[in-house]
Amino acid sequence: MKIKMTPNAYGFGMDWILEYEGKEYFLGQDVKVCSRLLGCRPSDVIREIQDITGLSEHESRLIKTNVVANKCLAEIIIDAYGDELNEESNLEPWELSVE
């Protein structure tokens, strides 16, 4: 499980894609995922990653390249979706989008 991050079409922000159980789910723009799904600001997510992993703030911000921070973010997102991501769900790749 991990989060793939790609620059979005607007030229700012990143689009997040969750890789989980052999499938990829498009989540949407980073700020929207944080606010609409997780109910917080991106800085709050960074602090949560720090609290869970013990990484420094700098290390926690390197979500795209830091495997520990990235996996932690993926786990936070999976927890937020709960049962929607169980093995029996037949979700399409776009159905978890917050757009």
C-alpha atoms as a PDB file:
ATOM      1  CA  MET A   1       0.000   0.000   0.000  1.00  0.00           C
ATOM      2  CA  LYS A   2       1.232   3.458  -0.868  1.00  0.00           C
ATOM      3  CA  ILE A   3       0.263   6.861  -2.195  1.00  0.00           C
ATOM      4  CA  LYS A   4       1.432   7.881  -5.652  1.00  0.00           C
ATOM      5  CA  MET A   5       1.725  11.629  -6.164  1.00  0.00           C
ATOM      6  CA  THR A   6       1.727  13.396  -9.496  1.00  0.00           C
ATOM      7  CA  PRO A   7       1.589  17.115 -10.328  1.00  0.00           C
ATOM      8  CA  ASN A   8      -1.976  18.031 -11.187  1.00  0.00           C
ATOM      9  CA  ALA A   9      -3.167  19.691 -14.381  1.00  0.00           C
ATOM     10  CA  TYR A  10      -3.522  23.086 -12.697  1.00  0.00           C
ATOM     11  CA  GLY A  11       0.216  23.397 -12.109  1.00  0.00           C
ATOM     12  CA  PHE A  12       0.004  23.523  -8.330  1.00  0.00           C
ATOM     13  CA  GLY A  13      -0.682  20.817  -5.812  1.00  0.00           C
ATOM     14  CA  MET A  14      -0.411  17.103  -6.298  1.00  0.00           C
ATOM     15  CA  ASP A  15      -2.971  14.492  -7.245  1.00  0.00           C
ATOM     16  CA  TRP A  16      -2.950  11.465  -4.975  1.00  0.00           C
ATOM     17  CA  ILE A  17      -3.563   7.883  -6.068  1.00  0.00           C
ATOM     18  CA  LEU A  18      -3.936   5.145  -3.463  1.00  0.00           C
ATOM     19  CA  GLU A  19      -2.368   1.786  -4.342  1.00  0.00           C
ATOM     20  CA  TYR A  20      -4.091  -0.856  -2.233  1.00  0.00           C
ATOM     21  CA  GLU A  21      -4.734  -4.591  -2.626  1.00  0.00           C
ATOM     22  CA  GLY A  22      -3.427  -4.580  -6.190  1.00  0.00           C
ATOM     23  CA  LYS A  23      -5.698  -1.725  -7.295  1.00  0.00           C
ATOM     24  CA  GLU A  24      -5.177   1.994  -7.859  1.00  0.00           C
ATOM     25  CA  TYR A  25      -7.772   4.512  -6.676  1.00  0.00           C
ATOM     26  CA  PHE A  26      -7.663   8.146  -7.771  1.00  0.00           C
ATOM     27  CA  LEU A  27      -8.257  10.275  -4.666  1.00  0.00           C
ATOM     28  CA  GLY A  28      -7.833  13.817  -5.955  1.00  0.00           C
ATOM     29  CA  GLN A  29      -5.838  16.928  -5.137  1.00  0.00           C
ATOM     30  CA  ASP A  30      -3.792  16.791  -1.935  1.00  0.00           C
ATOM     31  CA  VAL A  31      -5.498  19.718  -0.175  1.00  0.00           C
ATOM     32  CA  LYS A  32      -8.965  18.418  -1.061  1.00  0.00           C
ATOM     33  CA  VAL A  33      -8.144  14.911   0.188  1.00  0.00           C
ATOM     34  CA  CYS A  34      -6.998  16.368   3.493  1.00  0.00           C
ATOM     35  CA  SER A  35      -9.979  18.684   3.952  1.00  0.00           C
ATOM     36  CA  ARG A  36     -12.817  16.588   2.501  1.00  0.00           C
ATOM     37  CA  LEU A  37     -11.778  13.079   3.509  1.00  0.00           C
ATOM     38  CA  LEU A  38      -9.621  13.568   6.566  1.00  0.00           C
ATOM     39  CA  GLY A  39     -11.303  16.748   7.830  1.00  0.00           C
ATOM     40  CA  CYS A  40      -8.078  18.638   8.445  1.00  0.00           C
ATOM     41  CA  ARG A  41      -5.314  20.720   6.895  1.00  0.00           C
ATOM     42  CA  PRO A  42      -2.230  19.183   5.243  1.00  0.00           C
ATOM     43  CA  SER A  43      -0.115  20.437   8.164  1.00  0.00           C
ATOM     44  CA  ASP A  44      -2.307  18.397  10.526  1.00  0.00           C
ATOM     45  CA  VAL A  45      -1.647  15.291   8.424  1.00  0.00           C
ATOM     46  CA  ILE A  46       2.105  15.927   8.647  1.00  0.00           C
ATOM     47  CA  ARG A  47       1.849  16.191  12.447  1.00  0.00           C
ATOM     48  CA  GLU A  48      -0.160  12.953  12.555  1.00  0.00           C
ATOM     49  CA  ILE A  49       2.512  11.192  10.499  1.00  0.00           C
ATOM     50  CA  GLN A  50       5.147  12.535  12.927  1.00  0.00           C
ATOM     51  CA  ASP A  51       3.174  11.307  15.946  1.00  0.00           C
ATOM     52  CA  ILE A  52       2.617   7.837  14.506  1.00  0.00           C
ATOM     53  CA  THR A  53       6.070   7.231  13.030  1.00  0.00           C
ATOM     54  CA  GLY A  54       8.413   9.322  15.169  1.00  0.00           C
ATOM     55  CA  LEU A  55       9.823  10.938  12.013  1.00  0.00           C
ATOM     56  CA  SER A  56      10.968  14.549  12.105  1.00  0.00           C
ATOM     57  CA  GLU A  57       8.786  17.237  10.516  1.00  0.00           C
ATOM     58  CA  HIS A  58      11.174  17.399   7.567  1.00  0.00           C
ATOM     59  CA  GLU A  59      11.094  13.620   7.055  1.00  0.00           C
ATOM     60  CA  SER A  60       7.300  13.567   7.382  1.00  0.00           C
ATOM     61  CA  ARG A  61       6.939  16.180   4.645  1.00  0.00           C
ATOM     62  CA  LEU A  62       8.870  13.970   2.201  1.00  0.00           C
ATOM     63  CA  ILE A  63       5.827  11.777   1.664  1.00  0.00           C
ATOM     64  CA  LYS A  64       6.579  11.228  -2.003  1.00  0.00           C
ATOM     65  CA  THR A  65      10.058   9.775  -1.345  1.00  0.00           C
ATOM     66  CA  ASN A  66      10.035   8.652   2.304  1.00  0.00           C
ATOM     67  CA  VAL A  67       8.672   5.094   2.357  1.00  0.00           C
ATOM     68  CA  VAL A  68       7.736   5.210   6.060  1.00  0.00           C
ATOM     69  CA  ALA A  69       5.860   8.517   5.750  1.00  0.00           C
ATOM     70  CA  ASN A  70       4.151   7.384   2.546  1.00  0.00           C
ATOM     71  CA  LYS A  71       2.967   4.095   4.048  1.00  0.00           C
ATOM     72  CA  CYS A  72       1.720   5.933   7.128  1.00  0.00           C
ATOM     73  CA  LEU A  73      -0.292   8.335   4.947  1.00  0.00           C
ATOM     74  CA  ALA A  74      -1.758   5.375   3.044  1.00  0.00           C
ATOM     75  CA  GLU A  75      -2.801   3.757   6.338  1.00  0.00           C
ATOM     76  CA  ILE A  76      -4.424   7.008   7.521  1.00  0.00           C
ATOM     77  CA  ILE A  77      -6.417   7.214   4.292  1.00  0.00           C
ATOM     78  CA  ILE A  78      -7.404   3.533   4.377  1.00  0.00           C
ATOM     79  CA  ASP A  79      -8.618   3.978   7.961  1.00  0.00           C
ATOM     80  CA  ALA A  80     -10.670   7.007   6.878  1.00  0.00           C
ATOM     81  CA  TYR A  81     -12.420   4.981   4.157  1.00  0.00           C
ATOM     82  CA  GLY A  82     -13.083   2.082   6.505  1.00  0.00           C
ATOM     83  CA  ASP A  83     -15.167  -0.741   5.074  1.00  0.00           C
ATOM     84  CA  GLU A  84     -15.416   0.854   1.624  1.00  0.00           C
ATOM     85  CA  LEU A  85     -12.011  -0.683   0.883  1.00  0.00           C
ATOM     86  CA  ASN A  86     -12.618  -4.267   1.936  1.00  0.00           C
ATOM     87  CA  GLU A  87     -11.588  -7.094  -0.357  1.00  0.00           C
ATOM     88  CA  GLU A  88     -15.157  -7.743  -1.507  1.00  0.00           C
ATOM     89  CA  SER A  89     -15.743  -4.198  -2.718  1.00  0.00           C
ATOM     90  CA  ASN A  90     -15.820  -3.786  -6.458  1.00  0.00           C
ATOM     91  CA  LEU A  91     -15.008  -0.086  -6.487  1.00  0.00           C
ATOM     92  CA  GLU A  92     -14.005   1.546  -9.725  1.00  0.00           C
ATOM     93  CA  PRO A  93     -10.706   3.495  -9.675  1.00  0.00           C
ATOM     94  CA  TRP A  94     -12.494   6.862  -9.538  1.00  0.00           C
ATOM     95  CA  GLU A  95     -15.108   6.056  -6.896  1.00  0.00           C
ATOM     96  CA  LEU A  96     -12.971   7.239  -3.968  1.00  0.00           C
ATOM     97  CA  SER A  97     -12.242  10.613  -5.559  1.00  0.00           C
ATOM     98  CA  VAL A  98     -12.944  13.667  -3.403  1.00  0.00           C
ATOM     99  CA  GLU A  99     -13.190  15.941  -6.473  1.00  0.00           C
END
